[in-house]
């Protein structure tokens, strides 16, 4: 696991550990015009965690965390008319103390 992926895991884990909810929501959308493209973020209890996450993270990083067993996909939805409008809900596997 590279440093960015480990930091992403740690930051998501810290957000979830400090609450009573072990779910996060990945969202993405097309902003509709250039120079802006696709924007994506992770929410926990309605709060955008983007400012706490390492720069440059991607959906592929979340897929890697899913393969590692840290995230478990609960459901996913995508707008059939917009491939960039999607949501994926995950359960985060952390140990609470």
C-alpha atoms as a PDB file:
ATOM      1  CA  UNK A   1       0.000   0.000   0.000  1.00  0.00           C
ATOM      2  CA  UNK A   2       1.494   3.324  -1.032  1.00  0.00           C
ATOM      3  CA  UNK A   3       1.667   6.374   1.214  1.00  0.00           C
ATOM      4  CA  UNK A   4      -1.312   8.205  -0.327  1.00  0.00           C
ATOM      5  CA  UNK A   5      -3.531   5.133  -0.031  1.00  0.00           C
ATOM      6  CA  UNK A   6      -2.476   4.557   3.588  1.00  0.00           C
ATOM      7  CA  UNK A   7      -3.173   8.212   4.400  1.00  0.00           C
ATOM      8  CA  UNK A   8      -6.585   8.004   2.720  1.00  0.00           C
ATOM      9  CA  UNK A   9      -7.398   4.898   4.774  1.00  0.00           C
ATOM     10  CA  UNK A  10      -6.231   6.569   7.993  1.00  0.00           C
ATOM     11  CA  UNK A  11      -8.186   9.788   7.399  1.00  0.00           C
ATOM     12  CA  UNK A  12     -11.403   7.941   6.521  1.00  0.00           C
ATOM     13  CA  UNK A  13     -10.889   5.661   9.514  1.00  0.00           C
ATOM     14  CA  UNK A  14     -10.382   8.624  11.854  1.00  0.00           C
ATOM     15  CA  UNK A  15     -13.563  10.343  10.652  1.00  0.00           C
ATOM     16  CA  UNK A  16     -15.612   7.189  11.115  1.00  0.00           C
ATOM     17  CA  UNK A  17     -14.036   6.231  14.457  1.00  0.00           C
ATOM     18  CA  UNK A  18     -14.983   9.551  16.002  1.00  0.00           C
ATOM     19  CA  UNK A  19     -18.668   9.004  15.225  1.00  0.00           C
ATOM     20  CA  UNK A  20     -21.308   6.363  15.696  1.00  0.00           C
ATOM     21  CA  UNK A  21     -21.683   5.787  11.963  1.00  0.00           C
ATOM     22  CA  UNK A  22     -19.425   3.500   9.931  1.00  0.00           C
ATOM     23  CA  UNK A  23     -20.692   4.518   6.480  1.00  0.00           C
ATOM     24  CA  UNK A  24     -19.249   6.902   3.915  1.00  0.00           C
ATOM     25  CA  UNK A  25     -20.638   8.073   0.611  1.00  0.00           C
ATOM     26  CA  UNK A  26     -18.557   8.633  -2.517  1.00  0.00           C
ATOM     27  CA  UNK A  27     -20.116  11.142  -4.922  1.00  0.00           C
ATOM     28  CA  UNK A  28     -19.093  12.466  -8.309  1.00  0.00           C
ATOM     29  CA  UNK A  29     -20.613  14.851 -10.791  1.00  0.00           C
ATOM     30  CA  UNK A  30     -19.731  16.670 -13.989  1.00  0.00           C
ATOM     31  CA  UNK A  31     -19.609  20.408 -13.361  1.00  0.00           C
ATOM     32  CA  UNK A  32     -20.801  20.992 -16.892  1.00  0.00           C
ATOM     33  CA  UNK A  33     -18.249  23.211 -18.540  1.00  0.00           C
ATOM     34  CA  UNK A  34     -14.529  23.579 -19.112  1.00  0.00           C
ATOM     35  CA  UNK A  35     -12.043  24.125 -17.575  1.00  0.00           C
ATOM     36  CA  UNK A  36     -13.903  22.300 -14.825  1.00  0.00           C
ATOM     37  CA  UNK A  37     -14.501  18.631 -15.302  1.00  0.00           C
ATOM     38  CA  UNK A  38     -15.563  15.872 -12.982  1.00  0.00           C
ATOM     39  CA  UNK A  39     -15.627  16.674  -9.281  1.00  0.00           C
ATOM     40  CA  UNK A  40     -15.669  13.940  -6.667  1.00  0.00           C
ATOM     41  CA  UNK A  41     -15.762  13.827  -2.889  1.00  0.00           C
ATOM     42  CA  UNK A  42     -16.445  11.617   0.118  1.00  0.00           C
ATOM     43  CA  UNK A  43     -19.134  12.430   2.667  1.00  0.00           C
ATOM     44  CA  UNK A  44     -19.556  11.152   6.186  1.00  0.00           C
ATOM     45  CA  UNK A  45     -22.757  12.076   8.011  1.00  0.00           C
ATOM     46  CA  UNK A  46     -23.366  14.739   5.361  1.00  0.00           C
ATOM     47  CA  UNK A  47     -19.962  16.372   5.870  1.00  0.00           C
ATOM     48  CA  UNK A  48     -17.557  16.642   2.947  1.00  0.00           C
ATOM     49  CA  UNK A  49     -14.240  15.065   3.991  1.00  0.00           C
ATOM     50  CA  UNK A  50     -12.295  16.362   0.966  1.00  0.00           C
ATOM     51  CA  UNK A  51     -10.225  18.898   2.882  1.00  0.00           C
ATOM     52  CA  UNK A  52      -9.010  16.111   5.196  1.00  0.00           C
ATOM     53  CA  UNK A  53      -8.005  13.729   2.404  1.00  0.00           C
ATOM     54  CA  UNK A  54      -4.664  13.542   0.593  1.00  0.00           C
ATOM     55  CA  UNK A  55      -4.495  15.331  -2.747  1.00  0.00           C
ATOM     56  CA  UNK A  56      -4.735  13.278  -5.895  1.00  0.00           C
ATOM     57  CA  UNK A  57      -6.863  10.434  -4.527  1.00  0.00           C
ATOM     58  CA  UNK A  58      -9.116   8.701  -7.062  1.00  0.00           C
ATOM     59  CA  UNK A  59     -11.968   6.247  -7.230  1.00  0.00           C
ATOM     60  CA  UNK A  60      -9.344   3.601  -8.001  1.00  0.00           C
ATOM     61  CA  UNK A  61      -7.923   4.214  -4.513  1.00  0.00           C
ATOM     62  CA  UNK A  62     -11.318   3.441  -3.001  1.00  0.00           C
ATOM     63  CA  UNK A  63     -11.490   0.284  -5.109  1.00  0.00           C
ATOM     64  CA  UNK A  64      -8.059  -0.715  -3.754  1.00  0.00           C
ATOM     65  CA  UNK A  65      -9.289  -0.117  -0.188  1.00  0.00           C
ATOM     66  CA  UNK A  66     -12.322  -2.229  -1.023  1.00  0.00           C
ATOM     67  CA  UNK A  67     -10.099  -5.057  -2.273  1.00  0.00           C
ATOM     68  CA  UNK A  68      -8.020  -4.768   0.906  1.00  0.00           C
ATOM     69  CA  UNK A  69     -11.164  -5.277   3.006  1.00  0.00           C
ATOM     70  CA  UNK A  70     -11.190  -1.802   4.549  1.00  0.00           C
ATOM     71  CA  UNK A  71     -14.273  -0.706   2.575  1.00  0.00           C
ATOM     72  CA  UNK A  72     -17.348  -2.797   1.809  1.00  0.00           C
ATOM     73  CA  UNK A  73     -19.644  -1.584  -0.965  1.00  0.00           C
ATOM     74  CA  UNK A  74     -23.238  -1.436   0.227  1.00  0.00           C
ATOM     75  CA  UNK A  75     -24.853   0.018  -2.874  1.00  0.00           C
ATOM     76  CA  UNK A  76     -24.137   2.142  -5.899  1.00  0.00           C
ATOM     77  CA  UNK A  77     -26.165   4.255  -8.270  1.00  0.00           C
ATOM     78  CA  UNK A  78     -25.386   6.043 -11.494  1.00  0.00           C
ATOM     79  CA  UNK A  79     -27.465   8.406 -13.570  1.00  0.00           C
ATOM     80  CA  UNK A  80     -28.139   6.550 -16.845  1.00  0.00           C
ATOM     81  CA  UNK A  81     -27.912   9.841 -18.735  1.00  0.00           C
ATOM     82  CA  UNK A  82     -24.667  11.004 -17.092  1.00  0.00           C
ATOM     83  CA  UNK A  83     -21.832   8.549 -16.465  1.00  0.00           C
ATOM     84  CA  UNK A  84     -20.154  11.009 -14.086  1.00  0.00           C
ATOM     85  CA  UNK A  85     -23.182  11.421 -11.792  1.00  0.00           C
ATOM     86  CA  UNK A  86     -22.736   8.561  -9.354  1.00  0.00           C
ATOM     87  CA  UNK A  87     -22.889   7.602  -5.705  1.00  0.00           C
ATOM     88  CA  UNK A  88     -21.332   4.643  -3.937  1.00  0.00           C
ATOM     89  CA  UNK A  89     -22.109   3.898  -0.297  1.00  0.00           C
ATOM     90  CA  UNK A  90     -19.473   2.013   1.707  1.00  0.00           C
ATOM     91  CA  UNK A  91     -19.251   0.521   5.170  1.00  0.00           C
ATOM     92  CA  UNK A  92     -15.849   1.181   6.717  1.00  0.00           C
ATOM     93  CA  UNK A  93     -14.228  -1.740   8.555  1.00  0.00           C
ATOM     94  CA  UNK A  94     -12.593  -0.262  11.644  1.00  0.00           C
ATOM     95  CA  UNK A  95     -12.109  -1.393  15.203  1.00  0.00           C
ATOM     96  CA  UNK A  96     -13.692   0.857  17.782  1.00  0.00           C
ATOM     97  CA  UNK A  97     -12.046   1.160  21.185  1.00  0.00           C
END
